[in-house]
Amino acid sequence: MTQPDTLRALLQAVSQGQLSPETALDQLKYLDFEPIDDFAKIDHHRTLRTGFPEVIWGPGKTVNQIVQIMRSLHQHNPVVMATRIEPEVYAQVQQHIPATVYYDIARICALVPSSWAAQHPGTIGILTAGTADLPVAEEAAITAELCGFAVKRLWDVGVAGLHRLLRHRQLIRDVDVLIVVAGMEGALPSVVAGLADCPIVAVPTSVGYGASFNGLSALLTMLNSCATGIGVVNIDNGFGAAVLAGQILRTGARLADNRWKNSR
C-alpha cells in the first residue's frame, strides 16, 4: 500500500497551499507499491504513469507466487493478466482463483469483468504470415483486447501467397495501427507497410528452418526493411507489440483531445 507518512505529508502540503494538486499528482505516481512476502513489489501506480497496469510474467514464478500477485493486482485493477502460462500451471492457478479465464493459444491467464469491452478509441489490426505464427499473434490480440482496444485479426496472409493479403486490403485501410507477425524470412511487414497509411509494429517469430536461427533472420529482415513507418519488437514479443500499438493510439487520442481543448 501507499506509504502513509509520505502520503499524509503530501496531502498536508496541498491543503496548506505549499504544493499544487498537479504537482502532488505527479509525485503520487511514484509512491504506491505493495511488497508481497519477500519475492515481489507490486507497482499499483503503473497505470497512472504509463496508462497500463503491471502484467505478470509467468515463467520462473511458482503457482503460489502467481496467485498472490494476481490477488494483489486485482484489488486495484479491473483486469489482471499473466502471460506465458502453460495449461498445467493455469489448472493449478484456477484451483486458487476460480474466476480466472485462460486463452490457450495466447497462453494468457486473466481476471476479466464479464462486461469488459473496448475502452479506447482506434482499432488495432493484427496480421500473421502463417498459421504457425498464431501463438505470438494471439498473445498480441488478447493483450490488446484486455487493455481495452478493439482488434481485427487476419491470419495466414504471408508473402508466399500475396493474393491472400491483397484480398483484404479494406481491413488494412480500416485500422489505425497494424501489428504484423512473421517468421521464416520475415518479409510481410515490408509488404504491408507499402500498402498501409498507419504505423506498423513488426513482430519476428522463431518459426522457421535452421537458417532462420530461431527468429534472428526475421528480426534482421524487419530491421533492414526499405519500407518506412515500421517499428520492430523482439522475437516472439506479441505482448510488447500490443502495448506499443496501444500507446500509439493513446497518444493520438491525447493529441486530438489537446487540439480540441486549444481550439475552444
Protein backbone atom coordinates (compact mmCIF):
# COMPACT_ATOMS: atom_id res chain seq x y z
CA MET A 1 0.00 0.00 0.00
CA THR A 2 0.95 3.67 -0.25
CA GLN A 3 3.42 4.71 2.45
CA PRO A 4 1.11 6.51 4.96
CA ASP A 5 3.59 9.07 6.28
CA THR A 6 4.68 10.20 2.82
CA LEU A 7 1.09 10.42 1.57
CA ARG A 8 -0.01 12.36 4.67
CA ALA A 9 2.78 14.90 4.18
CA LEU A 10 1.87 15.27 0.55
CA LEU A 11 -1.82 15.88 1.31
CA GLN A 12 -0.94 18.39 4.02
CA ALA A 13 1.27 20.31 1.58
CA VAL A 14 -1.63 20.54 -0.87
CA SER A 15 -4.13 21.60 1.81
CA GLN A 16 -1.76 24.35 3.02
CA GLY A 17 -1.15 25.64 -0.47
CA GLN A 18 2.52 24.65 -0.47
CA LEU A 19 2.02 22.26 -3.39
CA SER A 20 -0.32 22.40 -6.35
CA PRO A 21 -2.68 19.44 -6.95
CA GLU A 22 -0.98 18.83 -10.31
CA THR A 23 2.47 18.58 -8.72
CA ALA A 24 1.10 16.35 -5.97
CA LEU A 25 -0.45 14.02 -8.54
CA ASP A 26 2.85 13.84 -10.39
CA GLN A 27 4.65 12.87 -7.17
CA LEU A 28 1.91 10.41 -6.22
CA LYS A 29 2.58 8.45 -9.39
CA TYR A 30 5.80 7.12 -7.86
CA LEU A 31 4.62 6.31 -4.33
CA ASP A 32 2.40 3.27 -4.39
CA PHE A 33 3.84 -0.23 -4.34
CA GLU A 34 2.97 -3.26 -2.28
CA PRO A 35 5.53 -5.83 -1.04
CA ILE A 36 4.41 -9.44 -1.43
CA ASP A 37 6.34 -11.61 1.03
CA ASP A 38 10.00 -11.46 0.02
CA PHE A 39 9.63 -12.09 -3.72
CA ALA A 40 7.72 -9.16 -5.30
CA LYS A 41 6.92 -5.46 -5.06
CA ILE A 42 3.69 -4.79 -6.91
CA ASP A 43 3.54 -1.48 -8.76
CA HIS A 44 -0.06 -0.32 -8.27
CA HIS A 45 0.54 3.10 -9.81
CA ARG A 46 1.87 1.92 -13.14
CA THR A 47 -1.47 2.75 -14.77
CA LEU A 48 -1.19 6.35 -13.55
CA ARG A 49 2.30 6.67 -15.01
CA THR A 50 2.07 4.69 -18.24
CA GLY A 51 -1.61 4.08 -18.94
CA PHE A 52 -1.33 0.30 -18.48
CA PRO A 53 -1.27 -1.80 -15.28
CA GLU A 54 1.53 -4.15 -14.34
CA VAL A 55 1.34 -7.55 -16.04
CA ILE A 56 2.67 -10.82 -14.60
CA TRP A 57 5.42 -12.63 -16.49
CA GLY A 58 4.63 -16.29 -15.76
CA PRO A 59 7.84 -18.26 -16.46
CA GLY A 60 10.13 -18.57 -13.47
CA LYS A 61 7.37 -17.97 -10.93
CA THR A 62 5.74 -20.59 -8.75
CA VAL A 63 1.98 -21.09 -8.77
CA ASN A 64 1.77 -19.63 -5.28
CA GLN A 65 3.67 -16.51 -6.38
CA ILE A 66 1.41 -16.03 -9.41
CA VAL A 67 -1.71 -16.44 -7.26
CA GLN A 68 -0.56 -13.92 -4.65
CA ILE A 69 0.42 -11.34 -7.25
CA MET A 70 -2.87 -11.74 -9.13
CA ARG A 71 -4.87 -11.24 -5.94
CA SER A 72 -2.90 -8.13 -5.07
CA LEU A 73 -3.27 -6.61 -8.54
CA HIS A 74 -6.99 -7.41 -8.65
CA GLN A 75 -7.64 -5.15 -5.66
CA HIS A 76 -6.58 -2.17 -7.79
CA ASN A 77 -7.33 -3.17 -11.40
CA PRO A 78 -10.44 -4.49 -13.17
CA VAL A 79 -8.27 -6.66 -15.44
CA VAL A 80 -5.28 -8.75 -14.35
CA MET A 81 -3.06 -10.59 -16.83
CA ALA A 82 -0.40 -13.27 -16.52
CA THR A 83 1.49 -14.13 -19.71
CA ARG A 84 3.22 -17.31 -20.93
CA ILE A 85 1.16 -19.50 -18.61
CA GLU A 86 1.20 -23.17 -19.59
CA PRO A 87 -2.06 -25.18 -19.30
CA GLU A 88 -0.89 -27.22 -16.32
CA VAL A 89 0.07 -24.04 -14.45
CA TYR A 90 -3.30 -22.47 -15.24
CA ALA A 91 -5.11 -25.54 -13.90
CA GLN A 92 -3.36 -25.03 -10.56
CA VAL A 93 -3.95 -21.27 -10.53
CA GLN A 94 -7.67 -21.80 -11.17
CA GLN A 95 -7.91 -24.02 -8.10
CA HIS A 96 -6.94 -20.98 -6.02
CA ILE A 97 -8.75 -18.31 -8.12
CA PRO A 98 -11.75 -19.97 -9.82
CA ALA A 99 -12.73 -16.76 -11.67
CA THR A 100 -9.61 -16.81 -13.86
CA VAL A 101 -10.03 -17.44 -17.58
CA TYR A 102 -7.48 -18.98 -19.93
CA TYR A 103 -6.68 -18.07 -23.54
CA ASP A 104 -4.95 -21.24 -24.63
CA ILE A 105 -3.37 -20.15 -27.92
CA ALA A 106 -2.08 -16.91 -26.37
CA ARG A 107 -1.09 -18.70 -23.12
CA ILE A 108 -2.60 -15.85 -21.10
CA CYS A 109 -4.37 -16.31 -17.77
CA ALA A 110 -6.57 -13.39 -16.73
CA LEU A 111 -9.20 -11.97 -14.43
CA VAL A 112 -11.68 -10.03 -16.57
CA PRO A 113 -15.05 -8.38 -15.80
CA SER A 114 -17.92 -10.05 -17.64
CA SER A 115 -18.89 -6.72 -19.23
CA TRP A 116 -15.37 -5.84 -20.44
CA ALA A 117 -15.29 -4.09 -23.82
CA ALA A 118 -13.15 -1.65 -25.79
CA GLN A 119 -12.32 1.40 -23.66
CA HIS A 120 -10.10 3.37 -26.04
CA PRO A 121 -10.66 4.88 -29.50
CA GLY A 122 -8.99 3.34 -32.52
CA THR A 123 -8.60 -0.20 -33.83
CA ILE A 124 -5.54 -2.44 -33.90
CA GLY A 125 -5.20 -4.80 -36.85
CA ILE A 126 -3.13 -7.96 -36.36
CA LEU A 127 -1.82 -9.96 -39.32
CA THR A 128 0.18 -13.18 -39.47
CA ALA A 129 2.28 -14.59 -42.26
CA GLY A 130 1.33 -18.17 -41.34
CA THR A 131 -0.71 -20.31 -39.01
CA ALA A 132 2.42 -21.22 -37.04
CA ASP A 133 2.69 -17.54 -36.01
CA LEU A 134 -0.68 -17.67 -34.23
CA PRO A 135 0.57 -18.10 -30.63
CA VAL A 136 2.54 -14.83 -30.84
CA ALA A 137 -0.24 -13.06 -32.74
CA GLU A 138 -2.91 -14.19 -30.28
CA GLU A 139 -0.72 -13.02 -27.39
CA ALA A 140 -0.78 -9.59 -29.05
CA ALA A 141 -4.51 -9.74 -29.79
CA ILE A 142 -5.60 -10.84 -26.31
CA THR A 143 -3.25 -8.35 -24.66
CA ALA A 144 -4.67 -5.52 -26.76
CA GLU A 145 -8.26 -6.53 -26.02
CA LEU A 146 -7.63 -6.87 -22.28
CA CYS A 147 -6.00 -3.42 -22.35
CA GLY A 148 -9.25 -2.04 -23.77
CA PHE A 149 -8.62 -1.82 -27.52
CA ALA A 150 -10.69 -3.07 -30.44
CA VAL A 151 -8.87 -5.68 -32.52
CA LYS A 152 -9.28 -7.06 -36.04
CA ARG A 153 -7.50 -10.30 -36.91
CA LEU A 154 -6.22 -11.56 -40.28
CA TRP A 155 -4.31 -14.83 -40.25
CA ASP A 156 -2.19 -16.69 -42.82
CA VAL A 157 -1.59 -13.99 -45.44
CA GLY A 158 2.16 -14.36 -45.95
CA VAL A 159 4.16 -13.34 -48.99
CA ALA A 160 4.23 -16.86 -50.44
CA GLY A 161 0.61 -16.25 -51.47
CA LEU A 162 0.39 -12.49 -51.84
CA HIS A 163 -3.12 -12.60 -53.36
CA ARG A 164 -4.46 -13.62 -49.93
CA LEU A 165 -3.21 -10.37 -48.43
CA LEU A 166 -4.41 -8.22 -51.33
CA ARG A 167 -7.90 -9.71 -50.97
CA HIS A 168 -8.09 -7.97 -47.55
CA ARG A 169 -6.86 -4.50 -48.41
CA GLN A 170 -10.02 -3.00 -46.88
CA LEU A 171 -9.05 -4.26 -43.42
CA ILE A 172 -5.61 -2.70 -43.82
CA ARG A 173 -7.24 0.62 -44.72
CA ASP A 174 -9.74 0.48 -41.86
CA VAL A 175 -7.43 0.00 -38.86
CA ASP A 176 -5.35 2.64 -37.08
CA VAL A 177 -2.25 0.60 -36.15
CA LEU A 178 -1.08 -2.70 -37.63
CA ILE A 179 0.81 -5.45 -35.85
CA VAL A 180 2.41 -7.76 -38.42
CA VAL A 181 3.70 -11.10 -37.17
CA ALA A 182 6.01 -13.24 -39.33
CA GLY A 183 8.69 -15.87 -39.07
CA MET A 184 10.81 -17.52 -41.79
CA GLU A 185 12.34 -14.63 -43.79
CA GLY A 186 10.10 -12.03 -42.11
CA ALA A 187 9.16 -10.15 -45.28
CA LEU A 188 5.48 -9.50 -44.58
CA PRO A 189 5.81 -6.20 -42.61
CA SER A 190 7.68 -4.57 -45.53
CA VAL A 191 4.91 -5.55 -47.94
CA VAL A 192 2.15 -4.37 -45.59
CA ALA A 193 3.95 -1.08 -44.96
CA GLY A 194 3.80 -0.40 -48.69
CA LEU A 195 0.00 -0.71 -48.59
CA ALA A 196 -0.88 0.96 -45.28
CA ASP A 197 -1.04 4.61 -44.16
CA CYS A 198 -0.78 3.80 -40.44
CA PRO A 199 2.09 2.80 -38.11
CA ILE A 200 3.34 -0.80 -38.39
CA VAL A 201 4.61 -2.81 -35.42
CA ALA A 202 6.60 -5.77 -36.75
CA VAL A 203 6.99 -8.92 -34.67
CA PRO A 204 9.52 -11.56 -35.75
CA THR A 205 8.74 -15.09 -34.62
CA SER A 206 11.00 -18.07 -34.03
CA VAL A 207 9.16 -20.05 -36.71
CA GLY A 208 11.36 -21.43 -39.48
CA TYR A 209 14.00 -23.92 -40.54
CA GLY A 210 17.59 -23.95 -39.28
CA ALA A 211 18.89 -20.89 -41.12
CA SER A 212 16.15 -18.78 -39.57
CA PHE A 213 18.18 -19.02 -36.33
CA ASN A 214 15.07 -19.10 -34.12
CA GLY A 215 13.77 -15.80 -35.43
CA LEU A 216 17.01 -13.89 -35.82
CA SER A 217 16.73 -13.95 -39.62
CA ALA A 218 13.21 -12.47 -39.49
CA LEU A 219 14.33 -9.88 -36.94
CA LEU A 220 17.18 -8.68 -39.16
CA THR A 221 14.91 -8.55 -42.22
CA MET A 222 12.44 -6.35 -40.36
CA LEU A 223 15.17 -4.08 -39.02
CA ASN A 224 16.57 -3.72 -42.54
CA SER A 225 13.22 -3.06 -44.19
CA CYS A 226 13.26 -0.49 -47.00
CA ALA A 227 9.65 0.40 -46.16
CA THR A 228 9.09 3.35 -43.83
CA GLY A 229 6.89 3.59 -40.73
CA ILE A 230 7.89 0.23 -39.24
CA GLY A 231 8.89 -0.31 -35.62
CA VAL A 232 10.26 -3.72 -34.60
CA VAL A 233 9.93 -5.50 -31.26
CA ASN A 234 11.85 -8.52 -30.03
CA ILE A 235 11.43 -12.09 -31.26
CA ASP A 236 8.07 -13.64 -30.24
CA ASN A 237 7.15 -10.49 -28.25
CA GLY A 238 3.45 -10.26 -29.03
CA PHE A 239 2.78 -8.68 -25.64
CA GLY A 240 5.25 -5.84 -26.27
CA ALA A 241 3.82 -5.24 -29.73
CA ALA A 242 0.30 -4.85 -28.33
CA VAL A 243 1.40 -2.37 -25.66
CA LEU A 244 3.35 -0.32 -28.22
CA ALA A 245 0.34 -0.24 -30.55
CA GLY A 246 -1.85 0.78 -27.63
CA GLN A 247 0.50 3.61 -26.67
CA ILE A 248 0.41 4.89 -30.25
CA LEU A 249 -3.39 5.01 -30.16
CA ARG A 250 -3.50 6.59 -26.70
CA THR A 251 -1.01 9.27 -27.75
CA GLY A 252 -3.02 10.02 -30.87
CA ALA A 253 -6.21 10.34 -28.81
CA ARG A 254 -4.47 12.64 -26.32
CA LEU A 255 -3.14 14.88 -29.10
CA ALA A 256 -6.59 15.09 -30.67
CA ASP A 257 -8.10 15.95 -27.30
CA ASN A 258 -5.49 18.68 -26.71
CA ARG A 259 -6.15 20.19 -30.13
CA TRP A 260 -9.87 20.28 -29.37
CA LYS A 261 -9.26 21.96 -25.99
CA ASN A 262 -6.90 24.53 -27.51
CA SER A 263 -9.35 25.39 -30.26
CA ARG A 264 -12.11 26.34 -27.82
